[in-house]
Amino acid sequence: MFFIVLFLAGLWISPLIFTMAECMPVTFGMIGAKSKITSRLRKYDEAFSYDYFEGKALSLLRMTIFAKDATKTVQYRGEALPKSYADIVDMDYRGGLNVEKIAQKGEYIEVTLKVYMKNTYFTKEKCKKKNDTMFVRMRHNITWKVEPDFSIVKVCCHGCGGSFDATKHRNCPYCQQEYDAGRDDWEVLEIM
């Protein structure tokens, strides 16, 4: 009788243990990340908001992964993405990110983040969920402040001041200058 009760208790508790084991890398991985990112980036922008930054990082990650060709998007400056990323059909944020590196390079601040995701892959006519740790390297020009109301669909050319939709044009349609999204907002340099 004791073994049956122990077995049933194990069945009842095992999902909890599995969930805790799945969450531990995220929990331990993100310890201190918020304060580290905030203290380091507030030096460049006193109005820096971690919540805005976290949302922006996730938005840029998803936008880049789901783009038909990421190299043609204005907020991605990296090489072609690995072919396996083309199989991702859904991305769930597991609630944590960590900072791997923050460095100033010339007039840009570069941040490399470790983002904990649960991605759904569609391969061979089958969906499979997988916990992924994705690394995202982003940059922003430190001479310009991030504007919370910034919209990529209504940008101003840094050359002539013309307004245009940067989701449709990488270069200004008026003066042909390439638009540098890193001056007005964050842009992705690499996803690993």
C-alpha atoms as a PDB file:
ATOM      1  CA  MET A   1       0.000   0.000   0.000  1.00  0.00           C
ATOM      2  CA  PHE A   2       2.842   2.381   0.873  1.00  0.00           C
ATOM      3  CA  PHE A   3       4.453   1.881  -2.554  1.00  0.00           C
ATOM      4  CA  ILE A   4       1.161   2.576  -4.344  1.00  0.00           C
ATOM      5  CA  VAL A   5       0.731   5.850  -2.423  1.00  0.00           C
ATOM      6  CA  LEU A   6       4.366   6.761  -3.144  1.00  0.00           C
ATOM      7  CA  PHE A   7       3.885   5.940  -6.835  1.00  0.00           C
ATOM      8  CA  LEU A   8       0.700   8.049  -7.070  1.00  0.00           C
ATOM      9  CA  ALA A   9       2.375  10.927  -5.226  1.00  0.00           C
ATOM     10  CA  GLY A  10       5.245  10.711  -7.706  1.00  0.00           C
ATOM     11  CA  LEU A  11       2.833  10.899 -10.626  1.00  0.00           C
ATOM     12  CA  TRP A  12       1.131  13.891  -9.068  1.00  0.00           C
ATOM     13  CA  ILE A  13       4.382  15.762  -8.283  1.00  0.00           C
ATOM     14  CA  SER A  14       6.365  14.866 -11.429  1.00  0.00           C
ATOM     15  CA  PRO A  15       4.829  17.629 -13.632  1.00  0.00           C
ATOM     16  CA  LEU A  16       5.788  20.164 -10.971  1.00  0.00           C
ATOM     17  CA  ILE A  17       9.351  18.845 -10.825  1.00  0.00           C
ATOM     18  CA  PHE A  18       9.583  18.861 -14.632  1.00  0.00           C
ATOM     19  CA  THR A  19       8.331  22.473 -14.773  1.00  0.00           C
ATOM     20  CA  MET A  20      10.783  23.565 -12.087  1.00  0.00           C
ATOM     21  CA  ALA A  21      13.668  21.872 -13.915  1.00  0.00           C
ATOM     22  CA  GLU A  22      12.646  23.611 -17.145  1.00  0.00           C
ATOM     23  CA  CYS A  23      12.506  27.044 -15.456  1.00  0.00           C
ATOM     24  CA  MET A  24      15.783  26.853 -13.522  1.00  0.00           C
ATOM     25  CA  PRO A  25      18.126  27.814 -16.392  1.00  0.00           C
ATOM     26  CA  VAL A  26      15.968  30.865 -17.117  1.00  0.00           C
ATOM     27  CA  THR A  27      15.739  31.903 -13.481  1.00  0.00           C
ATOM     28  CA  PHE A  28      19.442  31.540 -12.764  1.00  0.00           C
ATOM     29  CA  GLY A  29      20.401  32.961 -16.162  1.00  0.00           C
ATOM     30  CA  MET A  30      18.580  36.240 -15.641  1.00  0.00           C
ATOM     31  CA  ILE A  31      19.682  37.006 -12.065  1.00  0.00           C
ATOM     32  CA  GLY A  32      20.915  40.593 -12.015  1.00  0.00           C
ATOM     33  CA  ALA A  33      20.338  41.146 -15.743  1.00  0.00           C
ATOM     34  CA  LYS A  34      17.736  43.884 -15.306  1.00  0.00           C
ATOM     35  CA  SER A  35      19.850  45.984 -12.947  1.00  0.00           C
ATOM     36  CA  LYS A  36      23.028  45.433 -14.989  1.00  0.00           C
ATOM     37  CA  ILE A  37      21.388  46.448 -18.260  1.00  0.00           C
ATOM     38  CA  THR A  38      19.619  49.429 -16.665  1.00  0.00           C
ATOM     39  CA  SER A  39      22.701  50.785 -14.873  1.00  0.00           C
ATOM     40  CA  ARG A  40      24.950  50.424 -17.918  1.00  0.00           C
ATOM     41  CA  LEU A  41      22.539  51.865 -20.501  1.00  0.00           C
ATOM     42  CA  ARG A  42      21.226  54.672 -18.305  1.00  0.00           C
ATOM     43  CA  LYS A  43      24.691  56.242 -18.654  1.00  0.00           C
ATOM     44  CA  TYR A  44      23.849  56.926 -22.300  1.00  0.00           C
ATOM     45  CA  ASP A  45      20.162  57.774 -21.877  1.00  0.00           C
ATOM     46  CA  GLU A  46      18.888  58.939 -18.476  1.00  0.00           C
ATOM     47  CA  ALA A  47      15.332  58.089 -19.566  1.00  0.00           C
ATOM     48  CA  PHE A  48      16.283  54.464 -20.351  1.00  0.00           C
ATOM     49  CA  SER A  49      13.472  51.995 -19.601  1.00  0.00           C
ATOM     50  CA  TYR A  50      14.269  48.304 -19.130  1.00  0.00           C
ATOM     51  CA  ASP A  51      10.692  47.282 -19.956  1.00  0.00           C
ATOM     52  CA  TYR A  52      10.795  49.213 -23.238  1.00  0.00           C
ATOM     53  CA  PHE A  53      14.226  47.722 -24.033  1.00  0.00           C
ATOM     54  CA  GLU A  54      13.070  44.157 -23.273  1.00  0.00           C
ATOM     55  CA  GLY A  55      10.006  44.600 -25.476  1.00  0.00           C
ATOM     56  CA  LYS A  56      12.106  46.123 -28.268  1.00  0.00           C
ATOM     57  CA  ALA A  57      14.632  43.265 -28.139  1.00  0.00           C
ATOM     58  CA  LEU A  58      11.862  40.659 -28.398  1.00  0.00           C
ATOM     59  CA  SER A  59      10.102  42.577 -31.158  1.00  0.00           C
ATOM     60  CA  LEU A  60      13.299  42.862 -33.209  1.00  0.00           C
ATOM     61  CA  LEU A  61      14.139  39.200 -32.617  1.00  0.00           C
ATOM     62  CA  ARG A  62      10.725  38.051 -33.837  1.00  0.00           C
ATOM     63  CA  MET A  63      10.655  40.501 -36.742  1.00  0.00           C
ATOM     64  CA  THR A  64      14.048  39.275 -37.925  1.00  0.00           C
ATOM     65  CA  ILE A  65      13.268  35.566 -37.541  1.00  0.00           C
ATOM     66  CA  PHE A  66       9.895  35.823 -39.300  1.00  0.00           C
ATOM     67  CA  ALA A  67      11.115  38.046 -42.167  1.00  0.00           C
ATOM     68  CA  LYS A  68      11.121  36.435 -45.593  1.00  0.00           C
ATOM     69  CA  ASP A  69      14.706  37.689 -46.022  1.00  0.00           C
ATOM     70  CA  ALA A  70      16.099  39.286 -42.873  1.00  0.00           C
ATOM     71  CA  THR A  71      19.016  40.848 -44.763  1.00  0.00           C
ATOM     72  CA  LYS A  72      16.555  43.074 -46.641  1.00  0.00           C
ATOM     73  CA  THR A  73      14.931  44.512 -43.490  1.00  0.00           C
ATOM     74  CA  VAL A  74      16.098  47.929 -42.344  1.00  0.00           C
ATOM     75  CA  GLN A  75      16.547  46.941 -38.687  1.00  0.00           C
ATOM     76  CA  TYR A  76      18.839  43.967 -39.388  1.00  0.00           C
ATOM     77  CA  ARG A  77      22.451  44.444 -40.453  1.00  0.00           C
ATOM     78  CA  GLY A  78      23.746  40.874 -40.194  1.00  0.00           C
ATOM     79  CA  GLU A  79      24.444  37.947 -42.459  1.00  0.00           C
ATOM     80  CA  ALA A  80      21.783  35.508 -43.654  1.00  0.00           C
ATOM     81  CA  LEU A  81      20.190  33.608 -40.771  1.00  0.00           C
ATOM     82  CA  PRO A  82      20.816  29.874 -40.256  1.00  0.00           C
ATOM     83  CA  LYS A  83      18.462  27.747 -42.382  1.00  0.00           C
ATOM     84  CA  SER A  84      16.994  26.080 -39.279  1.00  0.00           C
ATOM     85  CA  TYR A  85      15.429  29.422 -38.265  1.00  0.00           C
ATOM     86  CA  ALA A  86      13.208  29.239 -41.367  1.00  0.00           C
ATOM     87  CA  ASP A  87      11.410  26.308 -39.682  1.00  0.00           C
ATOM     88  CA  ILE A  88      10.324  28.434 -36.695  1.00  0.00           C
ATOM     89  CA  VAL A  89       6.576  29.085 -36.852  1.00  0.00           C
ATOM     90  CA  ASP A  90       5.994  30.405 -33.320  1.00  0.00           C
ATOM     91  CA  MET A  91       8.145  31.954 -30.604  1.00  0.00           C
ATOM     92  CA  ASP A  92       7.178  32.114 -26.930  1.00  0.00           C
ATOM     93  CA  TYR A  93       9.261  34.225 -24.577  1.00  0.00           C
ATOM     94  CA  ARG A  94      10.101  32.222 -21.470  1.00  0.00           C
ATOM     95  CA  GLY A  95      10.260  35.403 -19.396  1.00  0.00           C
ATOM     96  CA  GLY A  96      13.980  35.877 -19.143  1.00  0.00           C
ATOM     97  CA  LEU A  97      16.976  37.399 -20.793  1.00  0.00           C
ATOM     98  CA  ASN A  98      20.527  37.907 -19.699  1.00  0.00           C
ATOM     99  CA  VAL A  99      23.204  40.284 -20.843  1.00  0.00           C
ATOM    100  CA  GLU A 100      26.340  38.677 -22.227  1.00  0.00           C
ATOM    101  CA  LYS A 101      28.186  41.842 -23.202  1.00  0.00           C
ATOM    102  CA  ILE A 102      27.741  45.607 -23.310  1.00  0.00           C
ATOM    103  CA  ALA A 103      30.418  47.601 -25.119  1.00  0.00           C
ATOM    104  CA  GLN A 104      30.773  50.987 -26.723  1.00  0.00           C
ATOM    105  CA  LYS A 105      32.163  50.848 -30.258  1.00  0.00           C
ATOM    106  CA  GLY A 106      32.678  54.318 -31.631  1.00  0.00           C
ATOM    107  CA  GLU A 107      29.385  56.157 -31.572  1.00  0.00           C
ATOM    108  CA  TYR A 108      27.397  52.951 -30.999  1.00  0.00           C
ATOM    109  CA  ILE A 109      26.589  50.959 -27.896  1.00  0.00           C
ATOM    110  CA  GLU A 110      26.442  47.215 -28.614  1.00  0.00           C
ATOM    111  CA  VAL A 111      24.546  44.799 -26.408  1.00  0.00           C
ATOM    112  CA  THR A 112      24.652  41.014 -26.706  1.00  0.00           C
ATOM    113  CA  LEU A 113      21.675  39.346 -25.034  1.00  0.00           C
ATOM    114  CA  LYS A 114      20.930  35.747 -24.182  1.00  0.00           C
ATOM    115  CA  VAL A 115      17.185  35.319 -24.709  1.00  0.00           C
ATOM    116  CA  TYR A 116      15.309  32.282 -23.402  1.00  0.00           C
ATOM    117  CA  MET A 117      12.612  31.210 -25.855  1.00  0.00           C
ATOM    118  CA  LYS A 118      10.331  28.227 -26.477  1.00  0.00           C
ATOM    119  CA  ASN A 119      10.196  27.957 -30.247  1.00  0.00           C
ATOM    120  CA  THR A 120       7.844  25.850 -32.330  1.00  0.00           C
ATOM    121  CA  TYR A 121       9.474  24.300 -35.387  1.00  0.00           C
ATOM    122  CA  PHE A 122       7.566  22.876 -38.329  1.00  0.00           C
ATOM    123  CA  THR A 123       9.586  20.178 -40.082  1.00  0.00           C
ATOM    124  CA  LYS A 124       8.535  17.153 -42.084  1.00  0.00           C
ATOM    125  CA  GLU A 125       4.861  18.017 -41.616  1.00  0.00           C
ATOM    126  CA  LYS A 126       5.215  17.932 -37.857  1.00  0.00           C
ATOM    127  CA  CYS A 127       5.339  20.638 -35.159  1.00  0.00           C
ATOM    128  CA  LYS A 128       7.847  20.347 -32.344  1.00  0.00           C
ATOM    129  CA  LYS A 129       8.385  22.735 -29.429  1.00  0.00           C
ATOM    130  CA  LYS A 130      11.913  23.254 -28.208  1.00  0.00           C
ATOM    131  CA  ASN A 131      13.492  25.386 -25.497  1.00  0.00           C
ATOM    132  CA  ASP A 132      16.053  27.581 -27.222  1.00  0.00           C
ATOM    133  CA  THR A 133      18.641  29.979 -25.943  1.00  0.00           C
ATOM    134  CA  MET A 134      19.134  32.610 -28.624  1.00  0.00           C
ATOM    135  CA  PHE A 135      21.872  35.213 -28.657  1.00  0.00           C
ATOM    136  CA  VAL A 136      20.993  38.612 -30.120  1.00  0.00           C
ATOM    137  CA  ARG A 137      23.595  41.307 -30.761  1.00  0.00           C
ATOM    138  CA  MET A 138      22.019  44.765 -31.091  1.00  0.00           C
ATOM    139  CA  ARG A 139      23.290  48.319 -31.356  1.00  0.00           C
ATOM    140  CA  HIS A 140      22.121  51.888 -30.943  1.00  0.00           C
ATOM    141  CA  ASN A 141      23.812  55.213 -31.690  1.00  0.00           C
ATOM    142  CA  ILE A 142      24.612  56.849 -28.345  1.00  0.00           C
ATOM    143  CA  THR A 143      24.358  60.408 -29.679  1.00  0.00           C
ATOM    144  CA  TRP A 144      20.618  59.973 -30.296  1.00  0.00           C
ATOM    145  CA  LYS A 145      18.080  59.184 -27.593  1.00  0.00           C
ATOM    146  CA  VAL A 146      15.546  56.392 -28.106  1.00  0.00           C
ATOM    147  CA  GLU A 147      12.136  57.913 -28.695  1.00  0.00           C
ATOM    148  CA  PRO A 148       9.316  55.772 -27.210  1.00  0.00           C
ATOM    149  CA  ASP A 149       6.945  56.915 -29.958  1.00  0.00           C
ATOM    150  CA  PHE A 150       9.394  55.954 -32.734  1.00  0.00           C
ATOM    151  CA  SER A 151       7.768  54.128 -35.639  1.00  0.00           C
ATOM    152  CA  ILE A 152       9.687  52.372 -38.394  1.00  0.00           C
ATOM    153  CA  VAL A 153       6.820  53.113 -40.782  1.00  0.00           C
ATOM    154  CA  LYS A 154       7.314  56.880 -40.424  1.00  0.00           C
ATOM    155  CA  VAL A 155      10.978  57.814 -40.231  1.00  0.00           C
ATOM    156  CA  CYS A 156      12.827  60.982 -41.156  1.00  0.00           C
ATOM    157  CA  CYS A 157      15.841  60.747 -43.426  1.00  0.00           C
ATOM    158  CA  HIS A 158      19.016  61.825 -41.626  1.00  0.00           C
ATOM    159  CA  GLY A 159      20.226  63.444 -44.856  1.00  0.00           C
ATOM    160  CA  CYS A 160      17.364  65.439 -46.362  1.00  0.00           C
ATOM    161  CA  GLY A 161      14.698  65.172 -43.629  1.00  0.00           C
ATOM    162  CA  GLY A 162      12.172  63.499 -45.913  1.00  0.00           C
ATOM    163  CA  SER A 163       9.587  61.252 -44.255  1.00  0.00           C
ATOM    164  CA  PHE A 164       9.116  57.686 -45.522  1.00  0.00           C
ATOM    165  CA  ASP A 165       8.172  54.128 -44.549  1.00  0.00           C
ATOM    166  CA  ALA A 166      11.412  52.271 -43.766  1.00  0.00           C
ATOM    167  CA  THR A 167       9.658  48.890 -43.943  1.00  0.00           C
ATOM    168  CA  LYS A 168       9.328  49.491 -47.694  1.00  0.00           C
ATOM    169  CA  HIS A 169      12.500  51.473 -48.430  1.00  0.00           C
ATOM    170  CA  ARG A 170      16.013  50.874 -47.111  1.00  0.00           C
ATOM    171  CA  ASN A 171      17.181  54.072 -48.837  1.00  0.00           C
ATOM    172  CA  CYS A 172      15.431  57.428 -48.686  1.00  0.00           C
ATOM    173  CA  PRO A 173      13.197  57.708 -51.775  1.00  0.00           C
ATOM    174  CA  TYR A 174      14.076  61.423 -52.058  1.00  0.00           C
ATOM    175  CA  CYS A 175      17.885  61.599 -51.690  1.00  0.00           C
ATOM    176  CA  GLN A 176      18.760  57.847 -51.877  1.00  0.00           C
ATOM    177  CA  GLN A 177      20.776  57.947 -48.605  1.00  0.00           C
ATOM    178  CA  GLU A 178      20.709  54.612 -46.769  1.00  0.00           C
ATOM    179  CA  TYR A 179      18.611  54.847 -43.629  1.00  0.00           C
ATOM    180  CA  ASP A 180      20.538  54.027 -40.419  1.00  0.00           C
ATOM    181  CA  ALA A 181      17.908  52.590 -38.033  1.00  0.00           C
ATOM    182  CA  GLY A 182      20.502  52.469 -35.250  1.00  0.00           C
ATOM    183  CA  ARG A 183      20.442  56.240 -34.986  1.00  0.00           C
ATOM    184  CA  ASP A 184      16.764  56.382 -34.040  1.00  0.00           C
ATOM    185  CA  ASP A 185      16.222  52.996 -32.455  1.00  0.00           C
ATOM    186  CA  TRP A 186      17.899  49.665 -31.812  1.00  0.00           C
ATOM    187  CA  GLU A 187      18.933  47.460 -34.709  1.00  0.00           C
ATOM    188  CA  VAL A 188      20.032  43.815 -34.808  1.00  0.00           C
ATOM    189  CA  LEU A 189      23.545  42.961 -35.936  1.00  0.00           C
ATOM    190  CA  GLU A 190      23.467  39.202 -35.413  1.00  0.00           C
ATOM    191  CA  ILE A 191      21.311  36.356 -34.129  1.00  0.00           C
ATOM    192  CA  MET A 192      23.042  33.172 -33.025  1.00  0.00           C
END
